């Protein structure tokens, strides 16, 4: 639960302030929560593994993964925008 649904809101808030760190944590938690849930489903009901794992992926892990990737894209966009030369400026020396 701590790497899954309960982590989405705090990590999304973190990603709004620090996209690189928040994005990394969102992606990591998405992967960890998916495998933890999938392994628990296999241990309890192996015959329902595909249905249970796909439900968890679509409802929990996929949104976290999308938010994490989006945070990384925002971080990259901000970084590229800060380092790119501005058009229309002339270098006067």
PDB file of N, CA and C in Angstrom:
ATOM      1  N   UNK A   1       0.814  -1.199   0.000  1.00  0.00           N
ATOM      2  CA  UNK A   1       0.000   0.000   0.000  1.00  0.00           C
ATOM      3  C   UNK A   1       0.861   1.269   0.000  1.00  0.00           C
ATOM      4  N   UNK A   2       2.007   1.222   0.677  1.00  0.00           N
ATOM      5  CA  UNK A   2       2.833   2.429   0.757  1.00  0.00           C
ATOM      6  C   UNK A   2       3.517   2.763  -0.560  1.00  0.00           C
ATOM      7  N   UNK A   3       3.741   1.765  -1.406  1.00  0.00           N
ATOM      8  CA  UNK A   3       4.321   2.056  -2.718  1.00  0.00           C
ATOM      9  C   UNK A   3       3.255   2.122  -3.790  1.00  0.00           C
ATOM     10  N   UNK A   4       2.021   1.962  -3.421  1.00  0.00           N
ATOM     11  CA  UNK A   4       0.930   1.975  -4.386  1.00  0.00           C
ATOM     12  C   UNK A   4       0.020   3.167  -4.219  1.00  0.00           C
ATOM     13  N   UNK A   5      -1.250   2.921  -3.919  1.00  0.00           N
ATOM     14  CA  UNK A   5      -2.240   4.000  -3.881  1.00  0.00           C
ATOM     15  C   UNK A   5      -1.943   5.110  -2.873  1.00  0.00           C
ATOM     16  N   UNK A   6      -1.375   4.777  -1.735  1.00  0.00           N
ATOM     17  CA  UNK A   6      -1.099   5.809  -0.732  1.00  0.00           C
ATOM     18  C   UNK A   6       0.066   6.714  -1.126  1.00  0.00           C
ATOM     19  N   UNK A   7       0.882   6.272  -2.059  1.00  0.00           N
ATOM     20  CA  UNK A   7       2.050   7.054  -2.450  1.00  0.00           C
ATOM     21  C   UNK A   7       1.759   8.036  -3.580  1.00  0.00           C
ATOM     22  N   UNK A   8       0.662   7.855  -4.286  1.00  0.00           N
ATOM     23  CA  UNK A   8       0.413   8.664  -5.487  1.00  0.00           C
ATOM     24  C   UNK A   8       0.302  10.156  -5.165  1.00  0.00           C
ATOM     25  N   UNK A   9      -0.506  10.525  -4.209  1.00  0.00           N
ATOM     26  CA  UNK A   9      -0.702  11.951  -3.912  1.00  0.00           C
ATOM     27  C   UNK A   9       0.571  12.632  -3.398  1.00  0.00           C
ATOM     28  N   UNK A  10       1.246  12.098  -2.367  1.00  0.00           N
ATOM     29  CA  UNK A  10       2.458  12.780  -1.921  1.00  0.00           C
ATOM     30  C   UNK A  10       3.540  12.847  -2.997  1.00  0.00           C
ATOM     31  N   UNK A  11       3.680  11.790  -3.772  1.00  0.00           N
ATOM     32  CA  UNK A  11       4.703  11.803  -4.814  1.00  0.00           C
ATOM     33  C   UNK A  11       4.338  12.733  -5.964  1.00  0.00           C
ATOM     34  N   UNK A  12       3.059  12.880  -6.242  1.00  0.00           N
ATOM     35  CA  UNK A  12       2.636  13.832  -7.271  1.00  0.00           C
ATOM     36  C   UNK A  12       2.912  15.269  -6.820  1.00  0.00           C
ATOM     37  N   UNK A  13       2.705  15.533  -5.544  1.00  0.00           N
ATOM     38  CA  UNK A  13       3.015  16.865  -5.008  1.00  0.00           C
ATOM     39  C   UNK A  13       4.527  17.102  -5.069  1.00  0.00           C
ATOM     40  N   UNK A  14       5.302  16.085  -4.714  1.00  0.00           N
ATOM     41  CA  UNK A  14       6.752  16.199  -4.818  1.00  0.00           C
ATOM     42  C   UNK A  14       7.172  16.434  -6.266  1.00  0.00           C
ATOM     43  N   UNK A  15       6.547  15.731  -7.201  1.00  0.00           N
ATOM     44  CA  UNK A  15       6.885  15.876  -8.620  1.00  0.00           C
ATOM     45  C   UNK A  15       6.546  17.261  -9.142  1.00  0.00           C
ATOM     46  N   UNK A  16       5.565  17.930  -8.546  1.00  0.00           N
ATOM     47  CA  UNK A  16       5.229  19.285  -8.974  1.00  0.00           C
ATOM     48  C   UNK A  16       6.350  20.258  -8.601  1.00  0.00           C
ATOM     49  N   UNK A  17       6.998  20.016  -7.473  1.00  0.00           N
ATOM     50  CA  UNK A  17       8.091  20.878  -7.035  1.00  0.00           C
ATOM     51  C   UNK A  17       9.440  20.446  -7.600  1.00  0.00           C
ATOM     52  N   UNK A  18       9.691  19.156  -7.577  1.00  0.00           N
ATOM     53  CA  UNK A  18      10.958  18.597  -8.060  1.00  0.00           C
ATOM     54  C   UNK A  18      10.639  17.445  -9.009  1.00  0.00           C
ATOM     55  N   UNK A  19      10.424  17.748 -10.296  1.00  0.00           N
ATOM     56  CA  UNK A  19       9.968  16.729 -11.240  1.00  0.00           C
ATOM     57  C   UNK A  19      10.909  15.534 -11.392  1.00  0.00           C
ATOM     58  N   UNK A  20      12.203  15.760 -11.339  1.00  0.00           N
ATOM     59  CA  UNK A  20      13.138  14.653 -11.522  1.00  0.00           C
ATOM     60  C   UNK A  20      13.032  13.653 -10.374  1.00  0.00           C
ATOM     61  N   UNK A  21      13.040  14.141  -9.152  1.00  0.00           N
ATOM     62  CA  UNK A  21      12.964  13.268  -7.971  1.00  0.00           C
ATOM     63  C   UNK A  21      11.587  12.612  -7.870  1.00  0.00           C
ATOM     64  N   UNK A  22      10.534  13.404  -8.022  1.00  0.00           N
ATOM     65  CA  UNK A  22       9.178  12.861  -7.949  1.00  0.00           C
ATOM     66  C   UNK A  22       8.898  11.854  -9.047  1.00  0.00           C
ATOM     67  N   UNK A  23       9.374  12.134 -10.243  1.00  0.00           N
ATOM     68  CA  UNK A  23       9.186  11.211 -11.363  1.00  0.00           C
ATOM     69  C   UNK A  23       9.887   9.895 -11.126  1.00  0.00           C
ATOM     70  N   UNK A  24      11.105   9.963 -10.625  1.00  0.00           N
ATOM     71  CA  UNK A  24      11.847   8.745 -10.325  1.00  0.00           C
ATOM     72  C   UNK A  24      11.128   7.908  -9.275  1.00  0.00           C
ATOM     73  N   UNK A  25      10.653   8.557  -8.226  1.00  0.00           N
ATOM     74  CA  UNK A  25       9.935   7.821  -7.175  1.00  0.00           C
ATOM     75  C   UNK A  25       8.616   7.254  -7.677  1.00  0.00           C
ATOM     76  N   UNK A  26       7.901   7.995  -8.507  1.00  0.00           N
ATOM     77  CA  UNK A  26       6.639   7.479  -9.046  1.00  0.00           C
ATOM     78  C   UNK A  26       6.880   6.244  -9.914  1.00  0.00           C
ATOM     79  N   UNK A  27       7.878   6.301 -10.757  1.00  0.00           N
ATOM     80  CA  UNK A  27       8.174   5.151 -11.616  1.00  0.00           C
ATOM     81  C   UNK A  27       8.626   3.959 -10.781  1.00  0.00           C
ATOM     82  N   UNK A  28       9.489   4.204  -9.802  1.00  0.00           N
ATOM     83  CA  UNK A  28       9.972   3.126  -8.939  1.00  0.00           C
ATOM     84  C   UNK A  28       8.826   2.492  -8.155  1.00  0.00           C
ATOM     85  N   UNK A  29       7.974   3.317  -7.577  1.00  0.00           N
ATOM     86  CA  UNK A  29       6.841   2.791  -6.802  1.00  0.00           C
ATOM     87  C   UNK A  29       5.841   2.054  -7.692  1.00  0.00           C
ATOM     88  N   UNK A  30       5.665   2.506  -8.913  1.00  0.00           N
ATOM     89  CA  UNK A  30       4.766   1.813  -9.844  1.00  0.00           C
ATOM     90  C   UNK A  30       5.278   0.402 -10.117  1.00  0.00           C
ATOM     91  N   UNK A  31       6.563   0.276 -10.354  1.00  0.00           N
ATOM     92  CA  UNK A  31       7.144  -1.039 -10.645  1.00  0.00           C
ATOM     93  C   UNK A  31       7.097  -1.937  -9.413  1.00  0.00           C
ATOM     94  N   UNK A  32       7.485  -1.399  -8.260  1.00  0.00           N
ATOM     95  CA  UNK A  32       7.500  -2.187  -7.027  1.00  0.00           C
ATOM     96  C   UNK A  32       6.085  -2.627  -6.642  1.00  0.00           C
ATOM     97  N   UNK A  33       5.124  -1.721  -6.708  1.00  0.00           N
ATOM     98  CA  UNK A  33       3.762  -2.091  -6.315  1.00  0.00           C
ATOM     99  C   UNK A  33       3.162  -3.119  -7.265  1.00  0.00           C
ATOM    100  N   UNK A  34       3.483  -3.019  -8.547  1.00  0.00           N
ATOM    101  CA  UNK A  34       2.957  -3.996  -9.495  1.00  0.00           C
ATOM    102  C   UNK A  34       3.500  -5.388  -9.192  1.00  0.00           C
ATOM    103  N   UNK A  35       4.824  -5.496  -9.026  1.00  0.00           N
ATOM    104  CA  UNK A  35       5.393  -6.815  -8.769  1.00  0.00           C
ATOM    105  C   UNK A  35       4.989  -7.364  -7.405  1.00  0.00           C
ATOM    106  N   UNK A  36       4.868  -6.517  -6.411  1.00  0.00           N
ATOM    107  CA  UNK A  36       4.426  -6.984  -5.088  1.00  0.00           C
ATOM    108  C   UNK A  36       3.008  -7.531  -5.157  1.00  0.00           C
ATOM    109  N   UNK A  37       2.133  -6.814  -5.848  1.00  0.00           N
ATOM    110  CA  UNK A  37       0.751  -7.279  -5.977  1.00  0.00           C
ATOM    111  C   UNK A  37       0.673  -8.536  -6.836  1.00  0.00           C
ATOM    112  N   UNK A  38       1.431  -8.581  -7.923  1.00  0.00           N
ATOM    113  CA  UNK A  38       1.401  -9.753  -8.797  1.00  0.00           C
ATOM    114  C   UNK A  38       1.904 -10.993  -8.069  1.00  0.00           C
ATOM    115  N   UNK A  39       2.981 -10.853  -7.289  1.00  0.00           N
ATOM    116  CA  UNK A  39       3.490 -12.003  -6.536  1.00  0.00           C
ATOM    117  C   UNK A  39       2.512 -12.455  -5.457  1.00  0.00           C
ATOM    118  N   UNK A  40       1.813 -11.521  -4.834  1.00  0.00           N
ATOM    119  CA  UNK A  40       0.835 -11.918  -3.819  1.00  0.00           C
ATOM    120  C   UNK A  40      -0.359 -12.620  -4.455  1.00  0.00           C
ATOM    121  N   UNK A  41      -0.753 -12.197  -5.653  1.00  0.00           N
ATOM    122  CA  UNK A  41      -1.854 -12.874  -6.351  1.00  0.00           C
ATOM    123  C   UNK A  41      -1.438 -14.285  -6.732  1.00  0.00           C
ATOM    124  N   UNK A  42      -0.216 -14.445  -7.204  1.00  0.00           N
ATOM    125  CA  UNK A  42       0.277 -15.776  -7.578  1.00  0.00           C
ATOM    126  C   UNK A  42       0.303 -16.689  -6.364  1.00  0.00           C
ATOM    127  N   UNK A  43       0.701 -16.155  -5.221  1.00  0.00           N
ATOM    128  CA  UNK A  43       0.783 -16.973  -4.013  1.00  0.00           C
ATOM    129  C   UNK A  43      -0.592 -17.381  -3.510  1.00  0.00           C
ATOM    130  N   UNK A  44      -1.580 -16.509  -3.662  1.00  0.00           N
ATOM    131  CA  UNK A  44      -2.912 -16.797  -3.131  1.00  0.00           C
ATOM    132  C   UNK A  44      -3.773 -17.566  -4.133  1.00  0.00           C
ATOM    133  N   UNK A  45      -3.897 -17.036  -5.349  1.00  0.00           N
ATOM    134  CA  UNK A  45      -4.764 -17.640  -6.364  1.00  0.00           C
ATOM    135  C   UNK A  45      -4.042 -17.662  -7.718  1.00  0.00           C
ATOM    136  N   UNK A  46      -3.228 -18.669  -7.972  1.00  0.00           N
ATOM    137  CA  UNK A  46      -2.476 -18.696  -9.233  1.00  0.00           C
ATOM    138  C   UNK A  46      -3.374 -18.728 -10.472  1.00  0.00           C
ATOM    139  N   UNK A  47      -4.562 -19.289 -10.361  1.00  0.00           N
ATOM    140  CA  UNK A  47      -5.456 -19.388 -11.522  1.00  0.00           C
ATOM    141  C   UNK A  47      -6.031 -18.032 -11.930  1.00  0.00           C
ATOM    142  N   UNK A  48      -6.013 -17.053 -11.043  1.00  0.00           N
ATOM    143  CA  UNK A  48      -6.533 -15.724 -11.351  1.00  0.00           C
ATOM    144  C   UNK A  48      -5.415 -14.700 -11.555  1.00  0.00           C
ATOM    145  N   UNK A  49      -4.216 -15.175 -11.832  1.00  0.00           N
ATOM    146  CA  UNK A  49      -3.067 -14.288 -11.927  1.00  0.00           C
ATOM    147  C   UNK A  49      -3.216 -13.244 -13.020  1.00  0.00           C
ATOM    148  N   UNK A  50      -3.566 -13.645 -14.233  1.00  0.00           N
ATOM    149  CA  UNK A  50      -3.633 -12.701 -15.341  1.00  0.00           C
ATOM    150  C   UNK A  50      -4.696 -11.634 -15.109  1.00  0.00           C
ATOM    151  N   UNK A  51      -5.865 -12.043 -14.657  1.00  0.00           N
ATOM    152  CA  UNK A  51      -6.940 -11.090 -14.408  1.00  0.00           C
ATOM    153  C   UNK A  51      -6.575 -10.134 -13.271  1.00  0.00           C
ATOM    154  N   UNK A  52      -6.068 -10.663 -12.185  1.00  0.00           N
ATOM    155  CA  UNK A  52      -5.708  -9.821 -11.041  1.00  0.00           C
ATOM    156  C   UNK A  52      -4.543  -8.898 -11.334  1.00  0.00           C
ATOM    157  N   UNK A  53      -3.525  -9.420 -12.015  1.00  0.00           N
ATOM    158  CA  UNK A  53      -2.358  -8.601 -12.331  1.00  0.00           C
ATOM    159  C   UNK A  53      -2.710  -7.497 -13.320  1.00  0.00           C
ATOM    160  N   UNK A  54      -3.555  -7.791 -14.285  1.00  0.00           N
ATOM    161  CA  UNK A  54      -3.932  -6.750 -15.249  1.00  0.00           C
ATOM    162  C   UNK A  54      -4.801  -5.687 -14.578  1.00  0.00           C
ATOM    163  N   UNK A  55      -5.653  -6.070 -13.649  1.00  0.00           N
ATOM    164  CA  UNK A  55      -6.467  -5.097 -12.922  1.00  0.00           C
ATOM    165  C   UNK A  55      -5.580  -4.145 -12.123  1.00  0.00           C
ATOM    166  N   UNK A  56      -4.612  -4.704 -11.413  1.00  0.00           N
ATOM    167  CA  UNK A  56      -3.705  -3.881 -10.600  1.00  0.00           C
ATOM    168  C   UNK A  56      -2.870  -2.973 -11.481  1.00  0.00           C
ATOM    169  N   UNK A  57      -2.399  -3.498 -12.611  1.00  0.00           N
ATOM    170  CA  UNK A  57      -1.593  -2.681 -13.508  1.00  0.00           C
ATOM    171  C   UNK A  57      -2.389  -1.503 -14.046  1.00  0.00           C
ATOM    172  N   UNK A  58      -3.603  -1.742 -14.505  1.00  0.00           N
ATOM    173  CA  UNK A  58      -4.410  -0.679 -15.114  1.00  0.00           C
ATOM    174  C   UNK A  58      -4.883   0.340 -14.080  1.00  0.00           C
ATOM    175  N   UNK A  59      -5.244  -0.097 -12.888  1.00  0.00           N
ATOM    176  CA  UNK A  59      -5.820   0.816 -11.898  1.00  0.00           C
ATOM    177  C   UNK A  59      -4.808   1.502 -10.984  1.00  0.00           C
ATOM    178  N   UNK A  60      -3.643   0.918 -10.800  1.00  0.00           N
ATOM    179  CA  UNK A  60      -2.683   1.503  -9.866  1.00  0.00           C
ATOM    180  C   UNK A  60      -1.333   1.808 -10.516  1.00  0.00           C
ATOM    181  N   UNK A  61      -0.702   0.799 -11.065  1.00  0.00           N
ATOM    182  CA  UNK A  61       0.661   0.967 -11.562  1.00  0.00           C
ATOM    183  C   UNK A  61       0.737   1.834 -12.814  1.00  0.00           C
ATOM    184  N   UNK A  62      -0.166   1.659 -13.740  1.00  0.00           N
ATOM    185  CA  UNK A  62      -0.128   2.445 -14.979  1.00  0.00           C
ATOM    186  C   UNK A  62      -0.293   3.942 -14.726  1.00  0.00           C
ATOM    187  N   UNK A  63      -1.272   4.371 -13.905  1.00  0.00           N
ATOM    188  CA  UNK A  63      -1.351   5.813 -13.628  1.00  0.00           C
ATOM    189  C   UNK A  63      -0.098   6.371 -12.955  1.00  0.00           C
ATOM    190  N   UNK A  64       0.497   5.604 -12.039  1.00  0.00           N
ATOM    191  CA  UNK A  64       1.724   6.058 -11.394  1.00  0.00           C
ATOM    192  C   UNK A  64       2.860   6.144 -12.409  1.00  0.00           C
ATOM    193  N   UNK A  65       2.926   5.180 -13.293  1.00  0.00           N
ATOM    194  CA  UNK A  65       3.963   5.178 -14.319  1.00  0.00           C
ATOM    195  C   UNK A  65       3.797   6.362 -15.265  1.00  0.00           C
ATOM    196  N   UNK A  66       2.574   6.641 -15.661  1.00  0.00           N
ATOM    197  CA  UNK A  66       2.303   7.779 -16.551  1.00  0.00           C
ATOM    198  C   UNK A  66       2.655   9.096 -15.859  1.00  0.00           C
ATOM    199  N   UNK A  67       2.286   9.241 -14.591  1.00  0.00           N
ATOM    200  CA  UNK A  67       2.638  10.455 -13.850  1.00  0.00           C
ATOM    201  C   UNK A  67       4.154  10.612 -13.719  1.00  0.00           C
ATOM    202  N   UNK A  68       4.842   9.517 -13.479  1.00  0.00           N
ATOM    203  CA  UNK A  68       6.293   9.570 -13.363  1.00  0.00           C
ATOM    204  C   UNK A  68       6.964   9.966 -14.668  1.00  0.00           C
ATOM    205  N   UNK A  69       6.517   9.385 -15.762  1.00  0.00           N
ATOM    206  CA  UNK A  69       7.079   9.737 -17.066  1.00  0.00           C
ATOM    207  C   UNK A  69       6.759  11.192 -17.406  1.00  0.00           C
ATOM    208  N   UNK A  70       5.545  11.621 -17.097  1.00  0.00           N
ATOM    209  CA  UNK A  70       5.171  13.022 -17.354  1.00  0.00           C
ATOM    210  C   UNK A  70       6.031  13.975 -16.532  1.00  0.00           C
ATOM    211  N   UNK A  71       6.326  13.613 -15.290  1.00  0.00           N
ATOM    212  CA  UNK A  71       7.190  14.457 -14.456  1.00  0.00           C
ATOM    213  C   UNK A  71       8.589  14.547 -15.048  1.00  0.00           C
ATOM    214  N   UNK A  72       9.107  13.428 -15.549  1.00  0.00           N
ATOM    215  CA  UNK A  72      10.411  13.464 -16.206  1.00  0.00           C
ATOM    216  C   UNK A  72      10.394  14.336 -17.450  1.00  0.00           C
ATOM    217  N   UNK A  73       9.320  14.257 -18.224  1.00  0.00           N
ATOM    218  CA  UNK A  73       9.218  15.093 -19.424  1.00  0.00           C
ATOM    219  C   UNK A  73       9.177  16.572 -19.050  1.00  0.00           C
ATOM    220  N   UNK A  74       8.464  16.910 -17.982  1.00  0.00           N
ATOM    221  CA  UNK A  74       8.422  18.301 -17.516  1.00  0.00           C
ATOM    222  C   UNK A  74       9.809  18.746 -17.079  1.00  0.00           C
ATOM    223  N   UNK A  75      10.518  17.888 -16.334  1.00  0.00           N
ATOM    224  CA  UNK A  75      11.869  18.226 -15.893  1.00  0.00           C
ATOM    225  C   UNK A  75      12.790  18.461 -17.095  1.00  0.00           C
ATOM    226  N   UNK A  76      12.711  17.573 -18.086  1.00  0.00           N
ATOM    227  CA  UNK A  76      13.555  17.722 -19.270  1.00  0.00           C
ATOM    228  C   UNK A  76      13.189  18.989 -20.035  1.00  0.00           C
ATOM    229  N   UNK A  77      11.914  19.260 -20.151  1.00  0.00           N
ATOM    230  CA  UNK A  77      11.468  20.463 -20.859  1.00  0.00           C
ATOM    231  C   UNK A  77      11.977  21.723 -20.158  1.00  0.00           C
ATOM    232  N   UNK A  78      11.878  21.747 -18.831  1.00  0.00           N
ATOM    233  CA  UNK A  78      12.381  22.899 -18.068  1.00  0.00           C
ATOM    234  C   UNK A  78      13.891  23.045 -18.209  1.00  0.00           C
ATOM    235  N   UNK A  79      14.595  21.929 -18.131  1.00  0.00           N
ATOM    236  CA  UNK A  79      16.045  21.960 -18.243  1.00  0.00           C
ATOM    237  C   UNK A  79      16.472  22.446 -19.623  1.00  0.00           C
ATOM    238  N   UNK A  80      15.856  21.921 -20.687  1.00  0.00           N
ATOM    239  CA  UNK A  80      16.195  22.329 -22.045  1.00  0.00           C
ATOM    240  C   UNK A  80      15.845  23.788 -22.293  1.00  0.00           C
ATOM    241  N   UNK A  81      14.783  24.225 -21.686  1.00  0.00           N
ATOM    242  CA  UNK A  81      14.343  25.603 -21.873  1.00  0.00           C
ATOM    243  C   UNK A  81      15.300  26.587 -21.189  1.00  0.00           C
ATOM    244  N   UNK A  82      15.855  26.185 -20.062  1.00  0.00           N
ATOM    245  CA  UNK A  82      16.785  27.056 -19.342  1.00  0.00           C
ATOM    246  C   UNK A  82      18.140  27.124 -20.031  1.00  0.00           C
ATOM    247  N   UNK A  83      18.555  26.043 -20.686  1.00  0.00           N
ATOM    248  CA  UNK A  83      19.872  26.021 -21.307  1.00  0.00           C
ATOM    249  C   UNK A  83      19.854  26.445 -22.767  1.00  0.00           C
ATOM    250  N   UNK A  84      18.691  26.521 -23.388  1.00  0.00           N
ATOM    251  CA  UNK A  84      18.609  26.881 -24.804  1.00  0.00           C
ATOM    252  C   UNK A  84      18.871  28.372 -24.987  1.00  0.00           C
ATOM    253  N   UNK A  85      19.586  28.727 -26.052  1.00  0.00           N
ATOM    254  CA  UNK A  85      19.790  30.156 -26.321  1.00  0.00           C
ATOM    255  C   UNK A  85      18.478  30.796 -26.758  1.00  0.00           C
ATOM    256  N   UNK A  86      18.285  31.997 -26.341  1.00  0.00           N
ATOM    257  CA  UNK A  86      17.045  32.698 -26.684  1.00  0.00           C
ATOM    258  C   UNK A  86      17.191  33.338 -28.047  1.00  0.00           C
ATOM    259  N   UNK A  87      16.169  33.221 -28.852  1.00  0.00           N
ATOM    260  CA  UNK A  87      16.217  33.799 -30.186  1.00  0.00           C
ATOM    261  C   UNK A  87      15.926  35.287 -30.110  1.00  0.00           C
ATOM    262  N   UNK A  88      16.502  36.017 -31.012  1.00  0.00           N
ATOM    263  CA  UNK A  88      16.262  37.449 -31.067  1.00  0.00           C
ATOM    264  C   UNK A  88      17.246  38.273 -30.278  1.00  0.00           C
ATOM    265  N   UNK A  89      18.077  37.630 -29.482  1.00  0.00           N
ATOM    266  CA  UNK A  89      19.067  38.363 -28.702  1.00  0.00           C
ATOM    267  C   UNK A  89      20.364  38.435 -29.513  1.00  0.00           C
ATOM    268  N   UNK A  90      21.004  39.541 -29.450  1.00  0.00           N
ATOM    269  CA  UNK A  90      22.280  39.692 -30.131  1.00  0.00           C
ATOM    270  C   UNK A  90      23.390  39.759 -29.103  1.00  0.00           C
ATOM    271  N   UNK A  91      24.498  39.184 -29.448  1.00  0.00           N
ATOM    272  CA  UNK A  91      25.660  39.181 -28.570  1.00  0.00           C
ATOM    273  C   UNK A  91      26.503  40.400 -28.873  1.00  0.00           C
ATOM    274  N   UNK A  92      26.520  41.330 -27.946  1.00  0.00           N
ATOM    275  CA  UNK A  92      27.261  42.578 -28.148  1.00  0.00           C
ATOM    276  C   UNK A  92      28.498  42.537 -27.259  1.00  0.00           C
ATOM    277  N   UNK A  93      29.683  42.565 -27.882  1.00  0.00           N
ATOM    278  CA  UNK A  93      30.943  42.589 -27.119  1.00  0.00           C
ATOM    279  C   UNK A  93      31.797  43.708 -27.553  1.00  0.00           C
TER     280      UNK A  93
END
